[in-house]
């Protein structure tokens, strides 16, 4: 049976995380801090569990094995569940890092690469992130600046505010700065190459591993460019404001502000998934009624048909 599935997130307590996901986004845990909340995941490092309905208690990955058509036609050419969606609370700055593309990642790591998109859910005054280089550099200069600790002199530092969007193709150097909460939509991959980590040590008291050689292999050495299209319309009927944030071969993402009862539709082409990042909404699909507050996420199987959102809130909706 296809119905709206509320998902139990997978929580990660990396050293740079804070307490906002607990205090402001309703994440319940005994962990002292939460760095990442994996809102939609079938990845082996943290699969989400279905929280409601006839499939409650199963992982989403296990349910989809028996119901592959719920992914939709656009996902048929992917040999794996294509998306991983996170809420990220950066109390401290993340490492300067890069992700490989599919070809390199499959050859070297045995999993697919990572293209991703960031939606800035919230940002403290003066917050910024690192996003590529200010000007082209050579591979030799890149390696030299990593070695002599001058890399930050040539990276592109960008001030951010709530509602900003950044598209980050595989190979783009990047780092989330402190004081930022992000909704990240990405390929389902957990491969990250750290380039610079501010001299920090891990919970074991040792410096955290860097992956310099691999990073030099895969990093784009030019300023970032927006490699996405803004083309595909969405089935929108009434009661909302819609902004398409990005569309690429891996995902299409929208920001939706619900103001009045709003009608949407999930067709046979793709599943949908959304996370409430502000306010609260109630989702109704046939006899299924699901209240969702800030910080909660739902998976909508392909072919579900029309559904309604009531209340007042802001959601980030993703599909293939």
C-alpha atoms as a PDB file:
ATOM      1  CA  UNK A   1       0.000   0.000   0.000  1.00  0.00           C
ATOM      2  CA  UNK A   2       1.275   3.456  -0.902  1.00  0.00           C
ATOM      3  CA  UNK A   3       0.716   6.141   1.707  1.00  0.00           C
ATOM      4  CA  UNK A   4       2.616   9.148   3.175  1.00  0.00           C
ATOM      5  CA  UNK A   5       5.441   7.746   5.283  1.00  0.00           C
ATOM      6  CA  UNK A   6       6.810   9.707   8.216  1.00  0.00           C
ATOM      7  CA  UNK A   7      10.469   8.844   8.693  1.00  0.00           C
ATOM      8  CA  UNK A   8      12.533   8.468  11.852  1.00  0.00           C
ATOM      9  CA  UNK A   9      15.779  10.383  11.282  1.00  0.00           C
ATOM     10  CA  UNK A  10      19.271   9.025  11.825  1.00  0.00           C
ATOM     11  CA  UNK A  11      21.282  11.327  14.097  1.00  0.00           C
ATOM     12  CA  UNK A  12      25.045  11.894  13.887  1.00  0.00           C
ATOM     13  CA  UNK A  13      27.088  13.613  16.637  1.00  0.00           C
ATOM     14  CA  UNK A  14      30.215  14.824  14.809  1.00  0.00           C
ATOM     15  CA  UNK A  15      32.516  17.145  16.748  1.00  0.00           C
ATOM     16  CA  UNK A  16      31.379  20.347  15.018  1.00  0.00           C
ATOM     17  CA  UNK A  17      27.664  19.871  15.777  1.00  0.00           C
ATOM     18  CA  UNK A  18      25.464  21.867  18.145  1.00  0.00           C
ATOM     19  CA  UNK A  19      22.148  21.688  19.969  1.00  0.00           C
ATOM     20  CA  UNK A  20      19.801  23.553  17.602  1.00  0.00           C
ATOM     21  CA  UNK A  21      18.389  20.376  16.050  1.00  0.00           C
ATOM     22  CA  UNK A  22      17.388  19.251  19.557  1.00  0.00           C
ATOM     23  CA  UNK A  23      16.157  22.593  20.856  1.00  0.00           C
ATOM     24  CA  UNK A  24      14.534  24.103  17.760  1.00  0.00           C
ATOM     25  CA  UNK A  25      13.773  21.184  15.419  1.00  0.00           C
ATOM     26  CA  UNK A  26      12.402  18.601  17.847  1.00  0.00           C
ATOM     27  CA  UNK A  27      15.078  15.901  17.528  1.00  0.00           C
ATOM     28  CA  UNK A  28      14.840  13.613  20.556  1.00  0.00           C
ATOM     29  CA  UNK A  29      18.060  11.915  21.592  1.00  0.00           C
ATOM     30  CA  UNK A  30      20.380  11.271  24.513  1.00  0.00           C
ATOM     31  CA  UNK A  31      23.285  12.554  22.396  1.00  0.00           C
ATOM     32  CA  UNK A  32      24.681  15.814  23.840  1.00  0.00           C
ATOM     33  CA  UNK A  33      24.906  17.363  20.370  1.00  0.00           C
ATOM     34  CA  UNK A  34      23.586  16.651  16.878  1.00  0.00           C
ATOM     35  CA  UNK A  35      25.631  17.583  13.827  1.00  0.00           C
ATOM     36  CA  UNK A  36      23.449  15.910  11.192  1.00  0.00           C
ATOM     37  CA  UNK A  37      19.938  14.522  11.072  1.00  0.00           C
ATOM     38  CA  UNK A  38      19.545  12.185   8.099  1.00  0.00           C
ATOM     39  CA  UNK A  39      15.939  12.884   7.135  1.00  0.00           C
ATOM     40  CA  UNK A  40      15.716  10.639   4.052  1.00  0.00           C
ATOM     41  CA  UNK A  41      18.241   7.852   3.824  1.00  0.00           C
ATOM     42  CA  UNK A  42      18.588   4.338   2.494  1.00  0.00           C
ATOM     43  CA  UNK A  43      22.382   4.529   2.866  1.00  0.00           C
ATOM     44  CA  UNK A  44      24.147   1.692   4.676  1.00  0.00           C
ATOM     45  CA  UNK A  45      25.655   4.181   7.150  1.00  0.00           C
ATOM     46  CA  UNK A  46      22.226   5.212   8.442  1.00  0.00           C
ATOM     47  CA  UNK A  47      18.949   3.975   6.913  1.00  0.00           C
ATOM     48  CA  UNK A  48      15.752   5.733   8.026  1.00  0.00           C
ATOM     49  CA  UNK A  49      12.937   3.727   9.612  1.00  0.00           C
ATOM     50  CA  UNK A  50       9.275   4.215   8.687  1.00  0.00           C
ATOM     51  CA  UNK A  51       7.354   5.525  11.713  1.00  0.00           C
ATOM     52  CA  UNK A  52       3.687   5.134  10.724  1.00  0.00           C
ATOM     53  CA  UNK A  53       1.198   2.945   8.890  1.00  0.00           C
ATOM     54  CA  UNK A  54       1.362  -0.684   7.816  1.00  0.00           C
ATOM     55  CA  UNK A  55       5.127  -0.559   7.143  1.00  0.00           C
ATOM     56  CA  UNK A  56       6.041   0.983  10.524  1.00  0.00           C
ATOM     57  CA  UNK A  57       9.261  -0.421  11.920  1.00  0.00           C
ATOM     58  CA  UNK A  58      10.747  -1.340   8.538  1.00  0.00           C
ATOM     59  CA  UNK A  59      13.615   0.583   7.033  1.00  0.00           C
ATOM     60  CA  UNK A  60      12.588   2.571   3.986  1.00  0.00           C
ATOM     61  CA  UNK A  61      15.224   0.616   2.053  1.00  0.00           C
ATOM     62  CA  UNK A  62      13.622  -2.725   2.965  1.00  0.00           C
ATOM     63  CA  UNK A  63      10.130  -1.499   2.054  1.00  0.00           C
ATOM     64  CA  UNK A  64      11.331  -0.221  -1.311  1.00  0.00           C
ATOM     65  CA  UNK A  65      12.923  -3.574  -2.106  1.00  0.00           C
ATOM     66  CA  UNK A  66       9.416  -5.027  -2.134  1.00  0.00           C
ATOM     67  CA  UNK A  67       7.812  -1.984  -3.763  1.00  0.00           C
ATOM     68  CA  UNK A  68      10.377  -0.672  -6.283  1.00  0.00           C
ATOM     69  CA  UNK A  69       7.702   1.035  -8.374  1.00  0.00           C
ATOM     70  CA  UNK A  70       7.264   3.525  -5.502  1.00  0.00           C
ATOM     71  CA  UNK A  71      10.482   5.207  -6.650  1.00  0.00           C
ATOM     72  CA  UNK A  72       8.940   6.220  -9.990  1.00  0.00           C
ATOM     73  CA  UNK A  73      10.105   6.001 -13.583  1.00  0.00           C
ATOM     74  CA  UNK A  74      12.842   8.642 -13.319  1.00  0.00           C
ATOM     75  CA  UNK A  75      14.707   6.511 -10.769  1.00  0.00           C
ATOM     76  CA  UNK A  76      14.695   3.362 -12.910  1.00  0.00           C
ATOM     77  CA  UNK A  77      18.185   3.997 -14.301  1.00  0.00           C
ATOM     78  CA  UNK A  78      19.701   4.304 -10.810  1.00  0.00           C
ATOM     79  CA  UNK A  79      20.978   1.005  -9.357  1.00  0.00           C
ATOM     80  CA  UNK A  80      20.603   2.429  -5.832  1.00  0.00           C
ATOM     81  CA  UNK A  81      18.256   4.727  -3.899  1.00  0.00           C
ATOM     82  CA  UNK A  82      19.390   8.049  -5.336  1.00  0.00           C
ATOM     83  CA  UNK A  83      18.954  10.667  -2.586  1.00  0.00           C
ATOM     84  CA  UNK A  84      20.177  11.447   0.904  1.00  0.00           C
ATOM     85  CA  UNK A  85      18.609  14.461   2.647  1.00  0.00           C
ATOM     86  CA  UNK A  86      19.993  15.993   5.842  1.00  0.00           C
ATOM     87  CA  UNK A  87      19.493  18.775   8.318  1.00  0.00           C
ATOM     88  CA  UNK A  88      22.909  20.059   9.413  1.00  0.00           C
ATOM     89  CA  UNK A  89      23.705  22.212  12.468  1.00  0.00           C
ATOM     90  CA  UNK A  90      27.200  23.677  12.251  1.00  0.00           C
ATOM     91  CA  UNK A  91      28.010  25.111  15.680  1.00  0.00           C
ATOM     92  CA  UNK A  92      31.615  25.108  14.506  1.00  0.00           C
ATOM     93  CA  UNK A  93      33.018  25.239  10.978  1.00  0.00           C
ATOM     94  CA  UNK A  94      33.208  22.015   9.017  1.00  0.00           C
ATOM     95  CA  UNK A  95      36.443  20.890   7.413  1.00  0.00           C
ATOM     96  CA  UNK A  96      37.372  22.206   3.979  1.00  0.00           C
ATOM     97  CA  UNK A  97      36.435  19.254   1.787  1.00  0.00           C
ATOM     98  CA  UNK A  98      35.506  17.918  -1.615  1.00  0.00           C
ATOM     99  CA  UNK A  99      33.479  14.995  -2.985  1.00  0.00           C
ATOM    100  CA  UNK A 100      34.412  12.895  -6.026  1.00  0.00           C
ATOM    101  CA  UNK A 101      32.246  12.339  -9.086  1.00  0.00           C
ATOM    102  CA  UNK A 102      30.600   8.998  -9.869  1.00  0.00           C
ATOM    103  CA  UNK A 103      33.406   7.584 -12.002  1.00  0.00           C
ATOM    104  CA  UNK A 104      36.194   8.312  -9.491  1.00  0.00           C
ATOM    105  CA  UNK A 105      34.144   7.313  -6.453  1.00  0.00           C
ATOM    106  CA  UNK A 106      33.080   3.989  -7.947  1.00  0.00           C
ATOM    107  CA  UNK A 107      36.639   3.173  -8.989  1.00  0.00           C
ATOM    108  CA  UNK A 108      38.296   4.191  -5.718  1.00  0.00           C
ATOM    109  CA  UNK A 109      35.606   3.939  -3.003  1.00  0.00           C
ATOM    110  CA  UNK A 110      33.074   1.449  -4.370  1.00  0.00           C
ATOM    111  CA  UNK A 111      30.119   3.836  -4.116  1.00  0.00           C
ATOM    112  CA  UNK A 112      28.736   6.705  -6.157  1.00  0.00           C
ATOM    113  CA  UNK A 113      29.990  10.282  -5.942  1.00  0.00           C
ATOM    114  CA  UNK A 114      28.274  13.276  -4.454  1.00  0.00           C
ATOM    115  CA  UNK A 115      26.679  16.284  -6.074  1.00  0.00           C
ATOM    116  CA  UNK A 116      24.688  18.264  -3.517  1.00  0.00           C
ATOM    117  CA  UNK A 117      22.623  21.368  -2.879  1.00  0.00           C
ATOM    118  CA  UNK A 118      22.448  23.523   0.257  1.00  0.00           C
ATOM    119  CA  UNK A 119      19.413  25.494   1.369  1.00  0.00           C
ATOM    120  CA  UNK A 120      20.281  27.892   4.209  1.00  0.00           C
ATOM    121  CA  UNK A 121      17.571  27.243   6.804  1.00  0.00           C
ATOM    122  CA  UNK A 122      19.058  29.716   9.289  1.00  0.00           C
ATOM    123  CA  UNK A 123      22.285  31.653   9.754  1.00  0.00           C
ATOM    124  CA  UNK A 124      23.730  33.710  12.560  1.00  0.00           C
ATOM    125  CA  UNK A 125      24.908  37.265  11.948  1.00  0.00           C
ATOM    126  CA  UNK A 126      28.191  37.240  10.030  1.00  0.00           C
ATOM    127  CA  UNK A 127      27.977  33.562   9.023  1.00  0.00           C
ATOM    128  CA  UNK A 128      29.713  32.515   5.830  1.00  0.00           C
ATOM    129  CA  UNK A 129      30.790  29.416   3.924  1.00  0.00           C
ATOM    130  CA  UNK A 130      33.584  28.427   1.580  1.00  0.00           C
ATOM    131  CA  UNK A 131      32.596  27.734  -2.019  1.00  0.00           C
ATOM    132  CA  UNK A 132      35.284  27.018  -4.600  1.00  0.00           C
ATOM    133  CA  UNK A 133      38.176  29.317  -5.507  1.00  0.00           C
ATOM    134  CA  UNK A 134      38.219  33.055  -6.155  1.00  0.00           C
ATOM    135  CA  UNK A 135      40.324  32.575  -9.298  1.00  0.00           C
ATOM    136  CA  UNK A 136      41.704  29.616 -11.263  1.00  0.00           C
ATOM    137  CA  UNK A 137      44.751  27.919  -9.779  1.00  0.00           C
ATOM    138  CA  UNK A 138      46.974  25.094 -11.000  1.00  0.00           C
ATOM    139  CA  UNK A 139      47.126  21.610  -9.533  1.00  0.00           C
ATOM    140  CA  UNK A 140      50.682  22.382  -8.376  1.00  0.00           C
ATOM    141  CA  UNK A 141      49.616  25.566  -6.584  1.00  0.00           C
ATOM    142  CA  UNK A 142      46.700  23.747  -4.957  1.00  0.00           C
ATOM    143  CA  UNK A 143      49.009  21.053  -3.578  1.00  0.00           C
ATOM    144  CA  UNK A 144      51.573  23.640  -2.457  1.00  0.00           C
ATOM    145  CA  UNK A 145      48.993  25.767  -0.625  1.00  0.00           C
ATOM    146  CA  UNK A 146      47.682  22.711   1.203  1.00  0.00           C
ATOM    147  CA  UNK A 147      51.247  21.863   2.264  1.00  0.00           C
ATOM    148  CA  UNK A 148      52.236  25.376   3.414  1.00  0.00           C
ATOM    149  CA  UNK A 149      48.874  26.151   5.083  1.00  0.00           C
ATOM    150  CA  UNK A 150      47.869  29.032   2.777  1.00  0.00           C
ATOM    151  CA  UNK A 151      44.859  27.365   1.124  1.00  0.00           C
ATOM    152  CA  UNK A 152      42.342  29.652   2.832  1.00  0.00           C
ATOM    153  CA  UNK A 153      44.011  32.654   1.148  1.00  0.00           C
ATOM    154  CA  UNK A 154      42.586  31.644  -2.258  1.00  0.00           C
ATOM    155  CA  UNK A 155      39.201  30.104  -1.501  1.00  0.00           C
ATOM    156  CA  UNK A 156      35.912  31.887  -2.131  1.00  0.00           C
ATOM    157  CA  UNK A 157      34.363  33.012   1.182  1.00  0.00           C
ATOM    158  CA  UNK A 158      30.633  33.831   0.840  1.00  0.00           C
ATOM    159  CA  UNK A 159      28.411  35.558   3.436  1.00  0.00           C
ATOM    160  CA  UNK A 160      25.065  33.756   3.802  1.00  0.00           C
ATOM    161  CA  UNK A 161      21.563  34.489   5.013  1.00  0.00           C
ATOM    162  CA  UNK A 162      18.379  32.512   5.503  1.00  0.00           C
ATOM    163  CA  UNK A 163      16.928  31.312   2.190  1.00  0.00           C
ATOM    164  CA  UNK A 164      20.184  31.330   0.195  1.00  0.00           C
ATOM    165  CA  UNK A 165      20.845  28.356  -2.095  1.00  0.00           C
ATOM    166  CA  UNK A 166      24.143  26.832  -3.251  1.00  0.00           C
ATOM    167  CA  UNK A 167      24.508  24.089  -5.844  1.00  0.00           C
ATOM    168  CA  UNK A 168      27.712  22.082  -5.338  1.00  0.00           C
ATOM    169  CA  UNK A 169      28.671  19.723  -8.165  1.00  0.00           C
ATOM    170  CA  UNK A 170      31.069  16.904  -7.357  1.00  0.00           C
ATOM    171  CA  UNK A 171      34.621  18.260  -7.349  1.00  0.00           C
ATOM    172  CA  UNK A 172      33.735  21.663  -5.836  1.00  0.00           C
ATOM    173  CA  UNK A 173      35.812  22.628  -2.788  1.00  0.00           C
ATOM    174  CA  UNK A 174      33.500  23.723   0.032  1.00  0.00           C
ATOM    175  CA  UNK A 175      32.982  24.109   3.772  1.00  0.00           C
ATOM    176  CA  UNK A 176      29.971  25.035   5.882  1.00  0.00           C
ATOM    177  CA  UNK A 177      30.865  27.815   8.300  1.00  0.00           C
ATOM    178  CA  UNK A 178      29.879  28.022  11.951  1.00  0.00           C
ATOM    179  CA  UNK A 179      26.479  29.355  12.927  1.00  0.00           C
ATOM    180  CA  UNK A 180      24.597  27.879   9.954  1.00  0.00           C
ATOM    181  CA  UNK A 181      21.702  25.407   9.756  1.00  0.00           C
ATOM    182  CA  UNK A 182      21.379  23.771   6.338  1.00  0.00           C
ATOM    183  CA  UNK A 183      18.987  21.459   4.545  1.00  0.00           C
ATOM    184  CA  UNK A 184      21.224  19.409   2.265  1.00  0.00           C
ATOM    185  CA  UNK A 185      19.935  17.414  -0.694  1.00  0.00           C
ATOM    186  CA  UNK A 186      22.599  15.133  -2.136  1.00  0.00           C
ATOM    187  CA  UNK A 187      23.361  11.931  -3.931  1.00  0.00           C
ATOM    188  CA  UNK A 188      23.221   8.935  -1.615  1.00  0.00           C
ATOM    189  CA  UNK A 189      26.937   8.834  -0.844  1.00  0.00           C
ATOM    190  CA  UNK A 190      29.023   9.265   2.283  1.00  0.00           C
ATOM    191  CA  UNK A 191      32.417   9.761   0.627  1.00  0.00           C
ATOM    192  CA  UNK A 192      34.179  12.942   1.726  1.00  0.00           C
ATOM    193  CA  UNK A 193      37.796  13.992   1.239  1.00  0.00           C
ATOM    194  CA  UNK A 194      39.033  16.393   3.917  1.00  0.00           C
ATOM    195  CA  UNK A 195      41.567  18.929   2.716  1.00  0.00           C
ATOM    196  CA  UNK A 196      41.980  21.179   5.782  1.00  0.00           C
ATOM    197  CA  UNK A 197      40.574  20.802   9.306  1.00  0.00           C
ATOM    198  CA  UNK A 198      41.907  23.726  11.383  1.00  0.00           C
ATOM    199  CA  UNK A 199      44.256  21.416  13.299  1.00  0.00           C
ATOM    200  CA  UNK A 200      41.402  19.748  15.193  1.00  0.00           C
ATOM    201  CA  UNK A 201      41.570  16.380  16.895  1.00  0.00           C
ATOM    202  CA  UNK A 202      38.853  13.734  17.004  1.00  0.00           C
ATOM    203  CA  UNK A 203      37.261  12.107  20.032  1.00  0.00           C
ATOM    204  CA  UNK A 204      40.269   9.787  20.194  1.00  0.00           C
ATOM    205  CA  UNK A 205      42.570  12.767  20.765  1.00  0.00           C
ATOM    206  CA  UNK A 206      44.328  12.301  17.423  1.00  0.00           C
ATOM    207  CA  UNK A 207      44.274  14.677  14.445  1.00  0.00           C
ATOM    208  CA  UNK A 208      41.394  13.853  12.128  1.00  0.00           C
ATOM    209  CA  UNK A 209      42.398  12.132   8.902  1.00  0.00           C
ATOM    210  CA  UNK A 210      43.005  14.201   5.776  1.00  0.00           C
ATOM    211  CA  UNK A 211      42.745  12.876   2.226  1.00  0.00           C
ATOM    212  CA  UNK A 212      45.104  15.180   0.359  1.00  0.00           C
ATOM    213  CA  UNK A 213      46.116  13.003  -2.592  1.00  0.00           C
ATOM    214  CA  UNK A 214      42.530  12.070  -3.423  1.00  0.00           C
ATOM    215  CA  UNK A 215      41.389  15.681  -3.013  1.00  0.00           C
ATOM    216  CA  UNK A 216      44.067  16.894  -5.435  1.00  0.00           C
ATOM    217  CA  UNK A 217      42.866  14.251  -7.904  1.00  0.00           C
ATOM    218  CA  UNK A 218      39.217  15.346  -7.924  1.00  0.00           C
ATOM    219  CA  UNK A 219      39.005  19.070  -7.058  1.00  0.00           C
ATOM    220  CA  UNK A 220      37.889  21.561  -9.717  1.00  0.00           C
ATOM    221  CA  UNK A 221      40.516  24.318  -9.749  1.00  0.00           C
ATOM    222  CA  UNK A 222      38.303  27.115 -11.097  1.00  0.00           C
ATOM    223  CA  UNK A 223      35.675  29.407  -9.540  1.00  0.00           C
ATOM    224  CA  UNK A 224      32.295  27.715  -9.045  1.00  0.00           C
ATOM    225  CA  UNK A 225      29.623  27.879 -11.709  1.00  0.00           C
ATOM    226  CA  UNK A 226      25.943  27.084 -11.433  1.00  0.00           C
ATOM    227  CA  UNK A 227      25.565  23.747 -13.245  1.00  0.00           C
ATOM    228  CA  UNK A 228      21.830  23.305 -12.931  1.00  0.00           C
ATOM    229  CA  UNK A 229      18.714  24.102 -14.911  1.00  0.00           C
ATOM    230  CA  UNK A 230      15.474  25.747 -13.837  1.00  0.00           C
ATOM    231  CA  UNK A 231      13.104  24.016 -16.199  1.00  0.00           C
ATOM    232  CA  UNK A 232      10.758  21.395 -14.813  1.00  0.00           C
ATOM    233  CA  UNK A 233       7.382  22.729 -13.593  1.00  0.00           C
ATOM    234  CA  UNK A 234       5.655  21.228 -10.594  1.00  0.00           C
ATOM    235  CA  UNK A 235       2.030  20.151 -10.196  1.00  0.00           C
ATOM    236  CA  UNK A 236       0.795  23.071  -8.094  1.00  0.00           C
ATOM    237  CA  UNK A 237      -2.890  23.818  -7.714  1.00  0.00           C
ATOM    238  CA  UNK A 238      -3.403  26.604  -5.149  1.00  0.00           C
ATOM    239  CA  UNK A 239      -2.593  27.920  -1.688  1.00  0.00           C
ATOM    240  CA  UNK A 240       1.174  28.192  -1.799  1.00  0.00           C
ATOM    241  CA  UNK A 241       4.228  30.036  -3.028  1.00  0.00           C
ATOM    242  CA  UNK A 242       6.700  27.863  -4.946  1.00  0.00           C
ATOM    243  CA  UNK A 243      10.351  28.566  -5.786  1.00  0.00           C
ATOM    244  CA  UNK A 244      12.392  26.034  -7.721  1.00  0.00           C
ATOM    245  CA  UNK A 245      15.831  25.902  -6.129  1.00  0.00           C
ATOM    246  CA  UNK A 246      17.724  23.548  -8.440  1.00  0.00           C
ATOM    247  CA  UNK A 247      17.277  20.788 -10.978  1.00  0.00           C
ATOM    248  CA  UNK A 248      19.954  18.390 -12.203  1.00  0.00           C
ATOM    249  CA  UNK A 249      20.158  14.756 -13.272  1.00  0.00           C
ATOM    250  CA  UNK A 250      20.079  13.634  -9.632  1.00  0.00           C
ATOM    251  CA  UNK A 251      17.333  15.765  -8.078  1.00  0.00           C
ATOM    252  CA  UNK A 252      14.923  18.663  -8.445  1.00  0.00           C
ATOM    253  CA  UNK A 253      14.241  20.754  -5.346  1.00  0.00           C
ATOM    254  CA  UNK A 254      11.576  23.328  -4.437  1.00  0.00           C
ATOM    255  CA  UNK A 255      10.941  25.700  -1.570  1.00  0.00           C
ATOM    256  CA  UNK A 256       7.201  25.772  -0.829  1.00  0.00           C
ATOM    257  CA  UNK A 257       5.517  28.244   1.501  1.00  0.00           C
ATOM    258  CA  UNK A 258       2.077  26.975   2.532  1.00  0.00           C
ATOM    259  CA  UNK A 259      -0.359  29.781   3.289  1.00  0.00           C
ATOM    260  CA  UNK A 260      -3.817  28.266   2.714  1.00  0.00           C
ATOM    261  CA  UNK A 261      -4.902  24.680   2.102  1.00  0.00           C
ATOM    262  CA  UNK A 262      -2.624  23.688  -0.784  1.00  0.00           C
ATOM    263  CA  UNK A 263      -3.131  20.915  -3.323  1.00  0.00           C
ATOM    264  CA  UNK A 264      -0.174  18.956  -4.737  1.00  0.00           C
ATOM    265  CA  UNK A 265       0.267  15.695  -6.622  1.00  0.00           C
ATOM    266  CA  UNK A 266       2.722  12.791  -6.714  1.00  0.00           C
ATOM    267  CA  UNK A 267       2.700  11.210 -10.176  1.00  0.00           C
ATOM    268  CA  UNK A 268       4.194   7.975 -11.465  1.00  0.00           C
ATOM    269  CA  UNK A 269       7.376   9.753 -12.622  1.00  0.00           C
ATOM    270  CA  UNK A 270       8.960  10.211  -9.202  1.00  0.00           C
ATOM    271  CA  UNK A 271       8.566   9.896  -5.468  1.00  0.00           C
ATOM    272  CA  UNK A 272       8.613  13.099  -3.426  1.00  0.00           C
ATOM    273  CA  UNK A 273      10.192  13.823  -0.064  1.00  0.00           C
ATOM    274  CA  UNK A 274       9.879  16.932   2.013  1.00  0.00           C
ATOM    275  CA  UNK A 275      11.147  18.390   5.258  1.00  0.00           C
ATOM    276  CA  UNK A 276       9.334  21.096   7.214  1.00  0.00           C
ATOM    277  CA  UNK A 277      11.889  23.827   7.982  1.00  0.00           C
ATOM    278  CA  UNK A 278       9.519  26.396   9.485  1.00  0.00           C
ATOM    279  CA  UNK A 279       6.004  26.318  10.960  1.00  0.00           C
ATOM    280  CA  UNK A 280       3.748  23.267  10.874  1.00  0.00           C
ATOM    281  CA  UNK A 281       1.513  21.609   8.289  1.00  0.00           C
ATOM    282  CA  UNK A 282      -0.995  18.780   8.159  1.00  0.00           C
ATOM    283  CA  UNK A 283      -0.757  16.426   5.200  1.00  0.00           C
ATOM    284  CA  UNK A 284      -3.942  14.700   4.019  1.00  0.00           C
ATOM    285  CA  UNK A 285      -4.001  11.976   1.363  1.00  0.00           C
ATOM    286  CA  UNK A 286      -7.264  10.056   1.231  1.00  0.00           C
ATOM    287  CA  UNK A 287      -7.878   8.640   4.694  1.00  0.00           C
ATOM    288  CA  UNK A 288      -4.312   9.359   5.801  1.00  0.00           C
ATOM    289  CA  UNK A 289      -3.857  12.499   7.916  1.00  0.00           C
ATOM    290  CA  UNK A 290      -0.342  13.295   9.113  1.00  0.00           C
ATOM    291  CA  UNK A 291       0.562  16.347  11.229  1.00  0.00           C
ATOM    292  CA  UNK A 292       4.129  17.511  10.626  1.00  0.00           C
ATOM    293  CA  UNK A 293       6.030  20.095  12.629  1.00  0.00           C
ATOM    294  CA  UNK A 294       9.273  21.948  12.035  1.00  0.00           C
ATOM    295  CA  UNK A 295      12.105  19.456  11.629  1.00  0.00           C
ATOM    296  CA  UNK A 296       9.983  16.491  10.494  1.00  0.00           C
ATOM    297  CA  UNK A 297      10.126  14.722   7.133  1.00  0.00           C
ATOM    298  CA  UNK A 298       7.882  12.518   5.005  1.00  0.00           C
ATOM    299  CA  UNK A 299       8.379  10.195   2.028  1.00  0.00           C
ATOM    300  CA  UNK A 300       5.612  10.181  -0.610  1.00  0.00           C
ATOM    301  CA  UNK A 301       5.699   7.138  -2.920  1.00  0.00           C
ATOM    302  CA  UNK A 302       5.370   7.638  -6.662  1.00  0.00           C
ATOM    303  CA  UNK A 303       1.767   7.260  -7.829  1.00  0.00           C
ATOM    304  CA  UNK A 304       0.277   8.458  -4.534  1.00  0.00           C
ATOM    305  CA  UNK A 305      -1.795  11.038  -6.424  1.00  0.00           C
ATOM    306  CA  UNK A 306      -3.180  14.260  -4.991  1.00  0.00           C
ATOM    307  CA  UNK A 307      -2.582  15.349  -1.428  1.00  0.00           C
ATOM    308  CA  UNK A 308      -3.323  18.472   0.589  1.00  0.00           C
ATOM    309  CA  UNK A 309      -1.186  20.553   2.925  1.00  0.00           C
ATOM    310  CA  UNK A 310      -2.970  22.740   5.473  1.00  0.00           C
ATOM    311  CA  UNK A 311      -1.508  25.065   8.064  1.00  0.00           C
ATOM    312  CA  UNK A 312       1.293  27.593   7.774  1.00  0.00           C
ATOM    313  CA  UNK A 313       4.814  26.490   7.054  1.00  0.00           C
ATOM    314  CA  UNK A 314       7.843  26.336   4.788  1.00  0.00           C
ATOM    315  CA  UNK A 315       8.940  23.030   3.309  1.00  0.00           C
ATOM    316  CA  UNK A 316      11.811  21.845   1.132  1.00  0.00           C
ATOM    317  CA  UNK A 317      10.439  19.327  -1.371  1.00  0.00           C
ATOM    318  CA  UNK A 318      12.674  17.058  -3.431  1.00  0.00           C
ATOM    319  CA  UNK A 319      11.968  14.672  -6.294  1.00  0.00           C
ATOM    320  CA  UNK A 320      13.842  12.974  -9.112  1.00  0.00           C
END
